[in-house]
Amino acid sequence: MKKNQGFTLIEVLITVAIFAIFTLGIYFTYANVIEVIGKSRNRTLGSEVLNREIEIIRNLPYEGVGIIGGFPAGDLTQSKQVNFEGNIFEVETFVRNVDDPFDGTVDGDPVDLAPADYKLVEFYVDCLTCGGFVPLTFTTWIAPRHLETSTENGSLFINVFDASGVPVSGADVVIENSAVDPSFTIIDTTNASGTLRLVDVPPSNNSYEISVSKSGYTSSRTYEIGSDENPNPLKPHATVATQEITSISFSIDRVSALNISTRNMFCQGVPEIDFNHTGQRLIGSGPDVLEYAVSYSTDSLGKITVNDIPWDSHTLVDTDPYYGVGGSSYLMPVTLAPNETKTLDFFVDLIGSSSLLVTATNEQGVALTGVDVSLEKLGFNESRVTGEYNYLYSDWSFGGYLSQDGNIEENLVPGQLTLKQIGGEYPTSTNSWLTSNTIDFGTSTANLLTLSWSGNTPGGTQISFQVASNNGGAFNYIGPDGTNSSYYTTSGANLSNFHSGNQFVRYKVYLNTTVSTATPTLYDLDIKFNSGCIPKSQVFWADIPSASYDISASKSGYQTATTTVFVGAGWQEIKVPLIINE
């Protein structure tokens, strides 16, 4: 019996795959050939456009080889668009006078009194409608028929360097002069040595307006003497004198950026904080005019990225009427190198009529953490430690807590916790408790340091605490030995290491009495902590009376530093340097 034979499914799939690969190979080969042909055609068209421009120059008199409205002046357009064979080409033309060393140069020996020996013409052609078009560049020299003669003109040499003094090539230079007739504008670029040499330009006093820029770089320019914005510029418009060389230098470099955030002690963004941002470099004096001075605000998340910042030492001042800076991740001024991005975090807090930021540093201005800073005047004495902050809580009324056992009175006197009287007596048989709402420190880098409180404990009464913390999960209340059978009973006690590196914290306060007519009273609670959101070398008093204060700053290994400061209205900062012990 004859069996019917055919193809299996696998054989069919393999055949289809081979056919598909073969077909796609043919298709992509064809597409690549078409693309190469298209690019070759576009380049041929670009060359034809370039040849037309060259032919125009060949038919111009020597005096006509120049830029309309530029210098040397002539009949050529600096930049234009040409529609040719269905494509749009952009043509840029540059013309320069050339001082050939064959007969001496304007800055050489012998001095060439007629430095404009011939002209250099450069064309740059780009196709705006061609995909993948490589721009064409063509350079040619145009010489006069007769020998040049000496002129009353001068020369202008423009040098461009970066922050390290390295020449910047390819910098865009624009020179304008409206004080001569005819006025002109020169648009050109620096050479590999960072120089643009203009020879045989007309003499003019403080009239050459020069600006220098480059993509991704800062910019620099000259300024008019007596202008409203800069009446006494450090770099006025340039002067060119007859048969003299004027050399002027500019410094530009890659721009930098700042990623700025404003947040509170719990790492939560504080929105719309206003800043004035200034650099240190001047562009004018008497009065001083800063090169960089801007104002801005953080966004709804308390963030802003500031780009295009020049390298310099920068100072940011908070001008917000409600919040003051209580510290920052970098001490002011913050230095930016060229092409550098830094993240600058500000800790801000609500302020009163007078506030004071104290910054502790060593003799070199380096930030110091762990410095005890005391602020004192008659009737006022407070101490704080740099790198630490205090969480204060003093009102549990009307639901300002998570839960309780029913024996705590929180509403009778706002700001006080007591036992609740039942039938005129306080409960003596229970250790009554209240648990706080969750405190979110905003980061798992938080470390709890001490637990303090103020209250009243008549004989037979006691206040005690347990603390729970985690990074998400169950809250287990423990005391100083890490178990639920121990309690913090002394104000100012060190919190155990069990709470280091946890973001979420709750506390549980216990009130008990053995006397039915007496109750303990809790007035407030203070948790001292540090975290990545707390400034390392600064302490802040957000609302203090306006007065003269004595400041004392001490740290192990350093001499105690003392100073006096008058705190007036508004926000102010004082830096206290500590000298290391010999």
Protein backbone atom coordinates (compact mmCIF):
# COMPACT_ATOMS: atom_id res chain seq x y z
CA MET A 1 0.00 0.00 0.00
CA LYS A 2 1.46 3.39 -1.04
CA LYS A 3 1.77 5.98 1.71
CA ASN A 4 0.96 9.67 1.13
CA GLN A 5 4.01 11.80 1.87
CA GLY A 6 4.11 15.59 2.66
CA PHE A 7 5.89 18.25 4.73
CA THR A 8 5.85 18.33 8.46
CA LEU A 9 4.97 21.55 10.32
CA ILE A 10 8.59 22.03 11.39
CA GLU A 11 9.79 21.69 7.79
CA VAL A 12 7.24 24.27 6.66
CA LEU A 13 8.31 26.71 9.39
CA ILE A 14 12.00 26.28 8.52
CA THR A 15 11.26 26.86 4.84
CA VAL A 16 9.22 29.99 5.60
CA ALA A 17 11.96 31.30 7.89
CA ILE A 18 14.66 30.78 5.25
CA PHE A 19 12.49 32.49 2.65
CA ALA A 20 11.77 35.40 5.01
CA ILE A 21 15.47 35.88 5.79
CA PHE A 22 16.32 35.80 2.09
CA THR A 23 13.53 38.26 1.25
CA LEU A 24 14.43 40.66 4.06
CA GLY A 25 18.07 40.52 3.02
CA ILE A 26 17.13 41.57 -0.50
CA TYR A 27 14.85 44.32 0.86
CA PHE A 28 17.45 45.82 3.21
CA THR A 29 20.14 45.63 0.55
CA TYR A 30 17.85 47.47 -1.84
CA ALA A 31 16.96 50.05 0.83
CA ASN A 32 20.64 50.66 1.64
CA VAL A 33 21.47 51.09 -2.04
CA ILE A 34 18.63 53.61 -2.40
CA GLU A 35 19.83 55.46 0.71
CA VAL A 36 23.42 55.62 -0.55
CA ILE A 37 22.23 56.86 -3.94
CA GLY A 38 20.07 59.50 -2.23
CA LYS A 39 22.91 60.74 -0.02
CA SER A 40 25.26 60.83 -2.99
CA ARG A 41 22.72 62.85 -4.98
CA ASN A 42 22.21 65.31 -2.11
CA ARG A 43 25.95 65.76 -1.72
CA THR A 44 26.24 66.40 -5.46
CA LEU A 45 23.49 69.03 -5.19
CA GLY A 46 25.30 70.62 -2.23
CA SER A 47 28.51 70.75 -4.23
CA GLU A 48 26.63 72.44 -7.07
CA VAL A 49 25.29 75.08 -4.66
CA LEU A 50 28.83 75.59 -3.39
CA ASN A 51 30.20 75.94 -6.94
CA ARG A 52 27.61 78.62 -7.68
CA GLU A 53 28.78 80.65 -4.68
CA ILE A 54 32.40 80.29 -5.77
CA GLU A 55 31.47 81.47 -9.27
CA ILE A 56 29.79 84.54 -7.78
CA ILE A 57 33.04 85.48 -6.00
CA ARG A 58 35.08 85.01 -9.18
CA ASN A 59 32.94 87.61 -10.90
CA LEU A 60 33.14 90.18 -8.09
CA PRO A 61 35.72 92.97 -7.97
CA TYR A 62 38.18 92.60 -5.07
CA GLU A 63 36.45 95.41 -3.16
CA GLY A 64 33.16 93.52 -3.45
CA VAL A 65 34.48 90.41 -1.68
CA GLY A 66 33.09 91.08 1.78
CA ILE A 67 29.95 90.82 3.85
CA ILE A 68 26.96 93.12 3.52
CA GLY A 69 26.84 95.05 6.80
CA GLY A 70 30.01 93.30 7.97
CA PHE A 71 33.74 93.83 7.71
CA PRO A 72 35.45 93.70 5.34
CA ALA A 73 32.37 95.16 3.67
CA GLY A 74 31.23 93.81 0.33
CA ASP A 75 28.39 92.31 -1.66
CA LEU A 76 28.08 88.85 -0.06
CA THR A 77 25.31 87.77 2.32
CA GLN A 78 26.48 86.35 5.65
CA SER A 79 23.74 83.69 5.79
CA LYS A 80 21.07 82.71 3.29
CA GLN A 81 18.88 79.80 2.20
CA VAL A 82 18.90 78.43 -1.35
CA ASN A 83 16.08 76.30 -2.80
CA PHE A 84 17.73 73.95 -5.29
CA GLU A 85 16.29 70.83 -6.94
CA GLY A 86 13.57 70.51 -4.31
CA ASN A 87 15.91 70.82 -1.32
CA ILE A 88 16.69 73.80 0.92
CA PHE A 89 20.36 74.52 1.49
CA GLU A 90 21.74 76.96 4.06
CA VAL A 91 24.86 78.83 2.97
CA GLU A 92 27.05 80.71 5.46
CA THR A 93 29.87 82.92 4.21
CA PHE A 94 32.85 84.23 6.18
CA VAL A 95 35.39 86.75 4.84
CA ARG A 96 38.57 87.76 6.69
CA ASN A 97 41.49 90.03 5.86
CA VAL A 98 44.74 88.03 6.01
CA ASP A 99 48.07 89.42 7.18
CA ASP A 100 50.65 87.32 5.31
CA PRO A 101 54.07 87.00 7.02
CA PHE A 102 55.85 87.26 3.65
CA ASP A 103 56.05 91.06 3.92
CA GLY A 104 55.95 91.29 7.71
CA THR A 105 52.96 91.28 10.03
CA VAL A 106 51.16 93.91 12.01
CA ASP A 107 52.56 92.46 15.25
CA GLY A 108 55.92 91.39 13.84
CA ASP A 109 59.29 92.85 12.97
CA PRO A 110 59.24 94.53 10.54
CA VAL A 111 55.76 95.94 11.12
CA ASP A 112 53.45 95.61 8.14
CA LEU A 113 51.74 98.99 7.69
CA ALA A 114 49.41 97.49 5.08
CA PRO A 115 48.41 94.24 6.80
CA ALA A 116 45.39 93.39 4.64
CA ASP A 117 47.43 91.43 2.08
CA TYR A 118 44.54 89.34 0.74
CA LYS A 119 41.21 87.88 1.79
CA LEU A 120 40.23 84.45 3.04
CA VAL A 121 36.72 83.33 2.08
CA GLU A 122 35.09 80.34 3.76
CA PHE A 123 31.78 78.74 2.78
CA TYR A 124 29.70 76.42 4.93
CA VAL A 125 26.84 74.58 3.19
CA ASP A 126 24.22 72.47 4.98
CA CYS A 127 21.03 70.85 3.68
CA LEU A 128 18.03 71.54 5.90
CA THR A 129 15.77 69.01 4.18
CA CYS A 130 18.21 66.15 3.57
CA GLY A 131 18.48 63.32 6.07
CA GLY A 132 22.02 62.45 7.14
CA PHE A 133 23.62 65.27 5.14
CA VAL A 134 27.26 65.98 6.05
CA PRO A 135 27.89 69.75 5.79
CA LEU A 136 30.36 70.93 3.15
CA THR A 137 33.14 73.43 3.85
CA PHE A 138 35.22 75.24 1.24
CA THR A 139 38.00 77.77 1.75
CA THR A 140 39.66 79.97 -0.86
CA TRP A 141 41.97 82.99 -0.99
CA ILE A 142 41.25 86.13 -3.01
CA ALA A 143 44.18 88.43 -3.82
CA PRO A 144 44.07 91.98 -5.21
CA ARG A 145 45.47 92.71 -8.68
CA HIS A 146 47.70 95.45 -7.33
CA LEU A 147 49.95 95.87 -4.29
CA GLU A 148 48.21 96.93 -1.09
CA THR A 149 48.88 100.41 0.29
CA SER A 150 49.27 101.52 3.91
CA THR A 151 46.06 102.49 5.68
CA GLU A 152 44.98 104.44 8.73
CA ASN A 153 43.20 101.39 10.11
CA GLY A 154 44.22 99.22 13.06
CA SER A 155 43.91 95.62 14.21
CA LEU A 156 41.77 93.85 16.81
CA PHE A 157 42.92 90.53 18.28
CA ILE A 158 40.34 88.60 20.32
CA ASN A 159 41.56 85.77 22.57
CA VAL A 160 39.23 83.27 24.26
CA PHE A 161 40.35 81.03 27.14
CA ASP A 162 38.62 78.67 29.55
CA ALA A 163 38.81 78.75 33.35
CA SER A 164 42.19 76.97 33.28
CA GLY A 165 43.68 79.30 30.67
CA VAL A 166 43.35 76.77 27.84
CA PRO A 167 42.41 78.35 24.47
CA VAL A 168 38.81 77.76 23.38
CA SER A 169 38.52 76.97 19.69
CA GLY A 170 35.28 77.31 17.75
CA ALA A 171 33.88 80.02 20.03
CA ASP A 172 31.29 82.21 18.33
CA VAL A 173 32.34 85.85 18.23
CA VAL A 174 30.07 88.75 17.27
CA ILE A 175 31.62 92.21 16.79
CA GLU A 176 29.40 95.22 16.16
CA ASN A 177 30.36 98.84 15.54
CA SER A 178 27.67 101.44 14.90
CA ALA A 179 29.97 104.42 15.50
CA VAL A 180 31.67 104.18 12.08
CA ASP A 181 30.21 104.83 8.65
CA PRO A 182 29.16 102.45 7.35
CA SER A 183 28.36 100.51 10.52
CA PHE A 184 29.09 96.80 10.43
CA THR A 185 28.64 93.46 12.20
CA ILE A 186 31.20 90.66 12.06
CA ILE A 187 30.17 87.09 12.90
CA ASP A 188 33.06 84.65 13.10
CA THR A 189 34.71 81.94 15.24
CA THR A 190 38.02 81.52 17.02
CA ASN A 191 40.73 79.33 15.52
CA ALA A 192 42.50 76.34 17.11
CA SER A 193 44.53 78.76 19.25
CA GLY A 194 41.37 80.38 20.60
CA THR A 195 42.07 83.57 18.65
CA LEU A 196 40.24 85.70 16.11
CA ARG A 197 42.49 88.26 14.39
CA LEU A 198 40.83 91.17 12.63
CA VAL A 199 43.26 93.27 10.61
CA ASP A 200 42.70 96.53 8.76
CA VAL A 201 39.59 97.51 10.74
CA PRO A 202 38.64 101.19 11.11
CA PRO A 203 39.79 103.12 14.20
CA SER A 204 37.06 103.77 16.75
CA ASN A 205 37.02 104.75 20.43
CA ASN A 206 35.15 102.41 22.85
CA SER A 207 32.81 101.38 20.04
CA TYR A 208 33.65 97.76 19.25
CA GLU A 209 30.90 95.75 20.96
CA ILE A 210 32.15 92.19 21.36
CA SER A 211 30.29 89.12 22.60
CA VAL A 212 31.71 85.61 22.88
CA SER A 213 29.72 82.39 23.30
CA LYS A 214 29.75 78.68 22.56
CA SER A 215 27.11 75.99 22.88
CA GLY A 216 27.20 74.52 26.38
CA TYR A 217 29.50 77.28 27.62
CA THR A 218 29.09 80.51 29.52
CA SER A 219 29.20 83.76 27.57
CA SER A 220 31.13 86.98 27.97
CA ARG A 221 30.89 90.43 26.42
CA THR A 222 31.93 94.06 26.57
CA TYR A 223 29.73 96.84 27.98
CA GLU A 224 29.03 100.46 27.13
CA ILE A 225 30.58 102.98 29.51
CA GLY A 226 27.92 104.96 31.36
CA SER A 227 25.06 102.56 30.69
CA ASP A 228 22.34 102.20 33.32
CA GLU A 229 22.98 98.49 33.82
CA ASN A 230 26.75 98.80 34.21
CA PRO A 231 28.04 102.40 34.30
CA ASN A 232 31.69 101.50 35.03
CA PRO A 233 32.36 98.18 33.27
CA LEU A 234 35.54 96.22 33.90
CA LYS A 235 35.52 95.27 30.21
CA PRO A 236 34.28 98.29 28.19
CA HIS A 237 33.68 98.24 24.44
CA ALA A 238 37.05 97.92 22.69
CA THR A 239 39.03 100.75 21.11
CA VAL A 240 41.00 100.40 17.86
CA ALA A 241 43.62 103.07 17.11
CA THR A 242 45.35 103.89 13.83
CA GLN A 243 48.10 101.37 13.00
CA GLU A 244 47.87 99.95 16.52
CA ILE A 245 46.93 96.49 17.80
CA THR A 246 44.17 96.12 20.36
CA SER A 247 44.22 92.76 22.14
CA ILE A 248 41.28 91.77 24.34
CA SER A 249 40.70 88.48 26.17
CA PHE A 250 37.56 86.67 27.27
CA SER A 251 37.12 83.70 29.59
CA ILE A 252 34.32 81.19 29.04
CA ASP A 253 33.86 77.59 30.11
CA ARG A 254 31.26 74.86 30.37
CA VAL A 255 28.16 75.75 32.35
CA SER A 256 27.31 74.08 35.66
CA ALA A 257 24.08 73.26 37.51
CA LEU A 258 22.55 73.06 40.99
CA ASN A 259 19.85 70.60 42.06
CA ILE A 260 18.21 72.45 44.96
CA SER A 261 15.72 71.14 47.49
CA THR A 262 13.98 72.80 50.44
CA ARG A 263 12.71 70.46 53.13
CA ASN A 264 11.92 70.24 56.81
CA MET A 265 13.54 68.12 59.51
CA PHE A 266 11.44 65.14 58.41
CA CYS A 267 12.83 65.25 54.82
CA GLN A 268 9.46 66.49 53.55
CA GLY A 269 9.63 69.01 50.73
CA VAL A 270 8.65 72.57 51.61
CA PRO A 271 7.29 74.26 48.47
CA GLU A 272 7.81 77.69 46.95
CA ILE A 273 10.75 78.96 48.98
CA ASP A 274 12.24 82.15 47.50
CA PHE A 275 15.97 82.63 46.95
CA ASN A 276 18.35 85.30 45.70
CA HIS A 277 21.35 83.64 44.04
CA THR A 278 24.55 85.59 43.35
CA GLY A 279 28.08 84.79 42.28
CA GLN A 280 31.22 86.67 43.34
CA ARG A 281 32.72 87.77 40.02
CA LEU A 282 32.15 91.37 39.01
CA ILE A 283 31.59 92.89 35.57
CA GLY A 284 31.56 96.45 36.92
CA SER A 285 32.78 98.47 39.89
CA GLY A 286 31.71 101.71 41.56
CA PRO A 287 28.95 100.55 41.88
CA ASP A 288 29.73 96.83 41.91
CA VAL A 289 27.80 94.89 39.26
CA LEU A 290 27.72 91.11 39.60
CA GLU A 291 28.21 88.84 36.62
CA TYR A 292 25.55 86.41 37.94
CA ALA A 293 22.50 87.48 39.98
CA VAL A 294 19.13 85.72 39.69
CA SER A 295 16.04 85.05 41.80
CA TYR A 296 13.84 81.95 41.80
CA SER A 297 11.59 79.75 43.93
CA THR A 298 11.42 76.02 44.51
CA ASP A 299 8.42 74.23 42.99
CA SER A 300 5.41 72.57 44.61
CA LEU A 301 7.64 69.66 45.70
CA GLY A 302 10.32 71.91 47.16
CA LYS A 303 12.74 71.34 44.28
CA ILE A 304 14.32 73.26 41.43
CA THR A 305 17.18 72.60 39.01
CA VAL A 306 19.12 75.71 38.06
CA ASN A 307 21.11 75.31 34.84
CA ASP A 308 23.57 77.45 32.89
CA ILE A 309 25.44 78.62 35.99
CA PRO A 310 28.96 80.02 35.50
CA TRP A 311 31.86 78.57 37.46
CA ASP A 312 32.29 80.73 40.57
CA SER A 313 31.66 80.87 44.31
CA HIS A 314 27.91 81.20 44.79
CA THR A 315 25.75 82.41 47.67
CA LEU A 316 22.04 81.62 48.00
CA VAL A 317 19.98 83.74 50.40
CA ASP A 318 16.48 82.77 51.47
CA THR A 319 14.12 85.73 50.96
CA ASP A 320 10.92 83.90 51.89
CA PRO A 321 8.88 85.89 54.45
CA TYR A 322 7.66 82.81 56.36
CA TYR A 323 10.50 80.28 56.25
CA GLY A 324 14.14 80.67 57.17
CA VAL A 325 17.15 78.49 56.34
CA GLY A 326 18.11 76.38 59.33
CA GLY A 327 21.06 74.74 57.59
CA SER A 328 22.34 73.47 54.26
CA SER A 329 24.29 70.53 52.88
CA TYR A 330 27.00 72.94 51.65
CA LEU A 331 28.17 75.98 53.58
CA MET A 332 27.85 79.27 51.75
CA PRO A 333 29.46 80.20 49.49
CA VAL A 334 29.26 77.00 47.45
CA THR A 335 31.95 76.66 44.79
CA LEU A 336 31.08 75.32 41.34
CA ALA A 337 33.78 74.18 38.93
CA PRO A 338 33.13 74.22 35.16
CA ASN A 339 30.78 71.46 33.99
CA GLU A 340 29.91 70.48 37.58
CA THR A 341 26.52 69.55 39.03
CA LYS A 342 25.95 69.69 42.78
CA THR A 343 22.96 68.80 44.94
CA LEU A 344 22.23 71.52 47.48
CA ASP A 345 19.74 70.68 50.24
CA PHE A 346 18.30 73.39 52.48
CA PHE A 347 16.65 72.64 55.81
CA VAL A 348 13.95 75.31 56.35
CA ASP A 349 11.67 76.09 59.26
CA LEU A 350 8.89 78.53 60.08
CA ILE A 351 10.40 81.66 61.61
CA GLY A 352 9.28 84.42 63.92
CA SER A 353 10.26 88.07 63.86
CA SER A 354 13.91 87.24 64.67
CA SER A 355 15.89 84.06 63.93
CA LEU A 356 19.53 83.03 64.13
CA LEU A 357 21.57 80.36 62.32
CA VAL A 358 24.90 79.46 63.95
CA THR A 359 27.48 77.65 61.80
CA ALA A 360 30.45 75.94 63.48
CA THR A 361 33.65 75.42 61.48
CA ASN A 362 37.35 74.86 62.03
CA GLU A 363 39.94 77.52 61.23
CA GLN A 364 39.89 76.54 57.55
CA GLY A 365 36.12 76.97 57.30
CA VAL A 366 35.39 73.22 57.19
CA ALA A 367 32.08 72.23 58.80
CA LEU A 368 32.20 70.67 62.28
CA THR A 369 29.54 68.31 63.62
CA GLY A 370 28.92 67.50 67.29
CA VAL A 371 29.64 71.05 68.51
CA ASP A 372 27.79 72.17 71.65
CA VAL A 373 26.45 75.67 71.01
CA SER A 374 24.87 77.74 73.76
CA LEU A 375 22.92 80.95 73.27
CA GLU A 376 22.53 83.11 76.36
CA LYS A 377 21.24 86.46 77.56
CA LEU A 378 19.50 87.68 80.68
CA GLY A 379 16.52 85.37 81.20
CA PHE A 380 17.42 83.11 78.25
CA ASN A 381 19.82 80.17 78.07
CA GLU A 382 19.52 77.37 75.48
CA SER A 383 22.01 74.83 74.18
CA ARG A 384 21.96 72.79 70.98
CA VAL A 385 24.35 70.46 69.17
CA THR A 386 25.32 70.74 65.51
CA GLY A 387 24.15 67.75 63.48
CA GLU A 388 21.22 67.11 65.85
CA TYR A 389 17.62 68.28 66.03
CA ASN A 390 14.75 68.12 68.48
CA TYR A 391 11.26 66.79 67.83
CA LEU A 392 8.96 68.59 70.29
CA TYR A 393 5.37 67.67 71.09
CA SER A 394 3.13 69.28 73.71
CA ASP A 395 -0.55 68.98 72.77
CA TRP A 396 -2.44 65.69 72.75
CA SER A 397 -5.91 67.25 72.96
CA PHE A 398 -8.76 66.50 70.56
CA GLY A 399 -7.28 63.41 68.98
CA GLY A 400 -3.62 64.36 68.89
CA TYR A 401 -2.64 60.74 69.55
CA LEU A 402 -3.29 57.20 68.28
CA SER A 403 -4.93 55.37 71.20
CA GLN A 404 -5.17 55.09 75.00
CA ASP A 405 -6.64 52.82 77.65
CA GLY A 406 -9.40 55.27 78.66
CA ASN A 407 -7.78 56.44 81.90
CA ILE A 408 -5.84 59.39 80.38
CA GLU A 409 -7.27 62.93 80.42
CA GLU A 410 -5.98 64.89 77.41
CA ASN A 411 -8.67 67.56 76.90
CA LEU A 412 -9.16 69.11 80.34
CA VAL A 413 -6.14 71.40 79.96
CA PRO A 414 -4.73 71.50 76.40
CA GLY A 415 -1.01 70.76 76.49
CA GLN A 416 -1.24 68.51 79.55
CA LEU A 417 -1.71 64.80 80.10
CA THR A 418 -3.05 63.59 83.45
CA LEU A 419 -4.90 60.61 84.83
CA LYS A 420 -8.67 60.80 84.53
CA GLN A 421 -10.62 61.13 87.77
CA ILE A 422 -13.33 58.55 88.27
CA GLY A 423 -15.70 59.39 91.10
CA GLY A 424 -13.29 62.06 92.31
CA GLU A 425 -10.36 59.66 92.54
CA TYR A 426 -7.47 58.73 90.27
CA PRO A 427 -7.04 55.05 89.34
CA THR A 428 -4.34 53.36 91.39
CA SER A 429 -4.63 49.82 90.12
CA THR A 430 -3.46 50.34 86.52
CA ASN A 431 -0.43 51.59 84.62
CA SER A 432 -2.47 53.87 82.33
CA TRP A 433 -1.07 54.50 78.85
CA LEU A 434 -1.38 56.58 75.68
CA THR A 435 0.31 55.87 72.34
CA SER A 436 1.37 58.60 69.94
CA ASN A 437 0.63 58.96 66.29
CA THR A 438 3.37 57.66 64.00
CA ILE A 439 6.28 60.05 63.64
CA ASP A 440 7.73 59.81 60.13
CA PHE A 441 11.34 61.03 60.11
CA GLY A 442 11.35 60.80 56.32
CA THR A 443 14.47 58.65 56.00
CA SER A 444 15.89 55.37 57.23
CA THR A 445 19.08 57.24 58.18
CA ALA A 446 17.39 58.64 61.31
CA ASN A 447 19.04 57.88 64.65
CA LEU A 448 17.18 58.54 67.91
CA LEU A 449 19.55 59.98 70.52
CA THR A 450 17.75 61.03 73.71
CA LEU A 451 14.23 61.16 75.15
CA SER A 452 13.39 64.10 77.41
CA TRP A 453 10.18 65.40 78.92
CA SER A 454 8.91 67.93 81.42
CA GLY A 455 6.14 67.29 83.89
CA ASN A 456 5.05 67.18 87.50
CA THR A 457 5.26 64.00 89.59
CA PRO A 458 3.95 64.40 93.14
CA GLY A 459 4.87 61.73 95.66
CA GLY A 460 3.56 58.32 94.70
CA THR A 461 3.25 59.17 90.99
CA GLN A 462 5.44 58.34 87.99
CA ILE A 463 5.84 59.07 84.27
CA SER A 464 7.59 56.48 82.09
CA PHE A 465 7.97 55.71 78.37
CA GLN A 466 8.57 52.96 75.87
CA VAL A 467 9.55 53.53 72.24
CA ALA A 468 8.84 51.54 69.06
CA SER A 469 10.42 52.04 65.64
CA ASN A 470 10.65 50.31 62.26
CA ASN A 471 10.95 50.80 58.52
CA GLY A 472 7.50 49.33 57.95
CA GLY A 473 5.80 46.60 59.93
CA ALA A 474 4.70 46.01 63.51
CA PHE A 475 5.48 48.46 66.32
CA ASN A 476 7.02 46.71 69.32
CA TYR A 477 7.33 48.99 72.34
CA ILE A 478 10.57 48.46 74.25
CA GLY A 479 12.63 50.11 76.96
CA PRO A 480 16.36 50.72 77.35
CA ASP A 481 17.27 47.01 77.49
CA GLY A 482 15.42 46.21 74.26
CA THR A 483 12.54 44.33 75.94
CA ASN A 484 8.93 45.22 76.63
CA SER A 485 9.50 44.83 80.37
CA SER A 486 11.77 47.87 80.77
CA TYR A 487 10.89 51.59 80.73
CA TYR A 488 12.52 54.99 80.32
CA THR A 489 11.92 56.65 83.68
CA THR A 490 14.48 59.47 83.67
CA SER A 491 14.19 62.52 81.41
CA GLY A 492 17.19 62.96 79.12
CA ALA A 493 17.89 59.23 78.92
CA ASN A 494 19.85 57.91 75.96
CA LEU A 495 17.71 55.91 73.57
CA SER A 496 18.99 52.44 72.81
CA ASN A 497 20.65 51.50 69.54
CA PHE A 498 17.57 49.42 68.71
CA HIS A 499 16.09 52.59 67.15
CA SER A 500 18.99 53.52 64.85
CA GLY A 501 18.29 53.52 61.12
CA ASN A 502 14.49 53.43 61.43
CA GLN A 503 12.16 55.87 59.71
CA PHE A 504 8.90 55.39 61.65
CA VAL A 505 8.63 55.95 65.41
CA ARG A 506 5.92 55.83 68.06
CA TYR A 507 6.17 56.35 71.80
CA LYS A 508 3.97 55.05 74.60
CA VAL A 509 3.65 57.15 77.73
CA TYR A 510 2.61 55.55 81.03
CA LEU A 511 1.03 57.48 83.91
CA ASN A 512 0.48 55.79 87.27
CA THR A 513 -0.14 56.71 90.87
CA THR A 514 -0.38 54.91 94.17
CA VAL A 515 -2.26 57.83 95.70
CA SER A 516 -5.89 58.27 94.63
CA THR A 517 -5.72 62.04 95.20
CA ALA A 518 -2.59 62.70 93.14
CA THR A 519 -1.79 62.44 89.42
CA PRO A 520 1.38 62.85 87.39
CA THR A 521 1.21 65.58 84.71
CA LEU A 522 3.09 65.50 81.38
CA TYR A 523 3.64 68.90 79.75
CA ASP A 524 5.79 68.14 76.73
CA LEU A 525 8.11 65.60 75.12
CA ASP A 526 11.41 66.07 73.28
CA ILE A 527 13.13 63.45 71.07
CA LYS A 528 16.63 64.42 69.99
CA PHE A 529 17.74 62.81 66.71
CA ASN A 530 19.95 63.12 63.68
CA SER A 531 19.43 62.07 60.07
CA GLY A 532 20.46 62.79 56.52
CA CYS A 533 18.06 65.74 56.52
CA ILE A 534 19.66 67.51 59.48
CA PRO A 535 22.53 69.94 58.74
CA LYS A 536 25.81 68.60 60.11
CA SER A 537 27.43 71.80 61.34
CA GLN A 538 24.59 74.20 62.09
CA VAL A 539 22.02 74.93 64.79
CA PHE A 540 19.00 77.16 64.36
CA TRP A 541 16.84 79.29 66.61
CA ALA A 542 13.73 80.01 64.55
CA ASP A 543 12.00 82.46 66.88
CA ILE A 544 13.89 84.35 69.58
CA PRO A 545 13.57 87.86 71.02
CA SER A 546 15.55 90.60 69.32
CA ALA A 547 18.51 91.25 71.64
CA SER A 548 22.25 90.87 72.14
CA TYR A 549 23.32 87.27 72.84
CA ASP A 550 26.49 85.57 74.06
CA ILE A 551 27.45 82.50 72.02
CA SER A 552 29.70 79.72 73.28
CA ALA A 553 30.79 76.80 71.06
CA SER A 554 32.74 73.80 72.36
CA LYS A 555 33.91 70.43 71.05
CA SER A 556 36.37 67.87 72.34
CA GLY A 557 39.84 68.56 70.94
CA TYR A 558 39.09 72.24 70.24
CA GLN A 559 39.33 75.44 72.23
CA THR A 560 35.98 76.86 73.31
CA ALA A 561 34.97 79.75 71.05
CA THR A 562 32.94 82.67 72.34
CA THR A 563 31.42 85.67 70.62
CA THR A 564 28.56 88.13 70.91
CA VAL A 565 25.89 88.78 68.30
CA PHE A 566 23.00 91.19 68.12
CA VAL A 567 19.94 89.51 66.67
CA GLY A 568 17.75 92.08 64.99
CA ALA A 569 14.59 91.70 62.97
CA GLY A 570 14.60 88.97 60.34
CA TRP A 571 16.94 86.06 59.64
CA GLN A 572 20.68 86.20 60.12
CA GLU A 573 23.68 83.88 60.28
CA ILE A 574 26.89 83.93 62.27
CA LYS A 575 29.90 81.66 61.69
CA VAL A 576 31.89 80.56 64.73
CA PRO A 577 35.37 79.13 63.98
CA LEU A 578 36.93 76.75 66.51
CA ILE A 579 40.70 76.48 66.98
CA ILE A 580 42.15 73.01 67.51
CA ASN A 581 44.02 72.37 70.75
CA GLU A 582 47.79 72.36 70.39
